[in-house]
């Protein structure tokens, strides 16, 4: 039931947002929007299916700490 509600919600969001982008031929915006939309939709389905999803904050921490060499320490 929760999965169906997620699908309906995302279908409604897409029905509102996509026609204007297609009509105005905003292909770059549409590609970026679609990539983000599909990833969030996937996470939404996984969460609604009661599948444990790792926190994206952990991946962000790895990027800024290990890859970029940044650290945020309280002063």
Protein backbone atom coordinates (compact mmCIF):
# COMPACT_ATOMS: atom_id res chain seq x y z
CA UNK A 1 0.00 0.00 0.00
CA UNK A 2 2.81 2.41 0.89
CA UNK A 3 4.59 1.64 -2.37
CA UNK A 4 1.43 2.44 -4.33
CA UNK A 5 1.11 5.78 -2.55
CA UNK A 6 4.72 6.64 -3.37
CA UNK A 7 4.15 5.77 -7.03
CA UNK A 8 0.98 7.90 -7.17
CA UNK A 9 2.72 10.83 -5.48
CA UNK A 10 5.69 10.74 -7.85
CA UNK A 11 3.41 10.33 -10.86
CA UNK A 12 1.53 13.46 -9.75
CA UNK A 13 4.75 15.43 -9.32
CA UNK A 14 5.98 14.36 -12.76
CA UNK A 15 2.62 15.21 -14.34
CA UNK A 16 2.92 18.76 -13.02
CA UNK A 17 6.60 19.39 -13.77
CA UNK A 18 7.43 17.57 -17.00
CA UNK A 19 4.97 19.02 -19.55
CA UNK A 20 6.34 22.57 -19.19
CA UNK A 21 9.93 21.42 -19.57
CA UNK A 22 9.05 19.41 -22.67
CA UNK A 23 6.91 22.17 -24.17
CA UNK A 24 9.69 24.76 -23.63
CA UNK A 25 12.36 22.34 -24.93
CA UNK A 26 14.47 22.57 -21.77
CA UNK A 27 16.35 19.36 -22.49
CA UNK A 28 19.29 19.99 -20.17
CA UNK A 29 16.98 20.79 -17.24
CA UNK A 30 14.87 17.77 -18.11
CA UNK A 31 17.90 15.46 -18.06
CA UNK A 32 19.10 16.74 -14.69
CA UNK A 33 15.58 16.71 -13.27
CA UNK A 34 15.05 13.15 -14.52
CA UNK A 35 18.27 11.86 -12.98
CA UNK A 36 17.50 13.36 -9.59
CA UNK A 37 13.83 12.41 -9.81
CA UNK A 38 14.59 8.77 -10.61
CA UNK A 39 17.14 8.45 -7.81
CA UNK A 40 14.76 9.95 -5.24
CA UNK A 41 11.94 7.77 -6.60
CA UNK A 42 14.14 4.69 -6.17
CA UNK A 43 14.97 5.63 -2.59
CA UNK A 44 11.30 6.31 -1.92
CA UNK A 45 10.29 2.88 -3.18
CA UNK A 46 13.02 1.22 -1.11
CA UNK A 47 11.98 3.03 2.06
CA UNK A 48 8.30 2.30 1.43
CA UNK A 49 9.21 -1.37 0.98
CA UNK A 50 10.85 -1.39 4.45
CA UNK A 51 14.30 -2.03 2.98
CA UNK A 52 17.15 -0.56 5.02
CA UNK A 53 18.75 2.22 3.02
CA UNK A 54 22.18 3.52 4.07
CA UNK A 55 22.37 7.17 5.00
CA UNK A 56 23.58 9.41 2.15
CA UNK A 57 25.32 11.57 4.75
CA UNK A 58 27.96 8.84 5.13
CA UNK A 59 28.82 9.09 1.42
CA UNK A 60 28.97 12.89 1.61
CA UNK A 61 31.30 12.67 4.63
CA UNK A 62 33.63 10.36 2.71
CA UNK A 63 33.72 12.81 -0.19
CA UNK A 64 34.52 15.93 1.79
CA UNK A 65 36.79 14.26 4.36
CA UNK A 66 38.74 11.69 2.31
CA UNK A 67 38.54 12.99 -1.24
CA UNK A 68 38.64 16.75 -0.67
CA UNK A 69 40.69 16.60 2.55
CA UNK A 70 38.38 18.95 4.43
CA UNK A 71 37.61 18.73 8.11
CA UNK A 72 35.13 20.64 10.20
CA UNK A 73 36.26 20.93 13.79
CA UNK A 74 34.59 23.02 16.45
CA UNK A 75 36.82 25.89 17.49
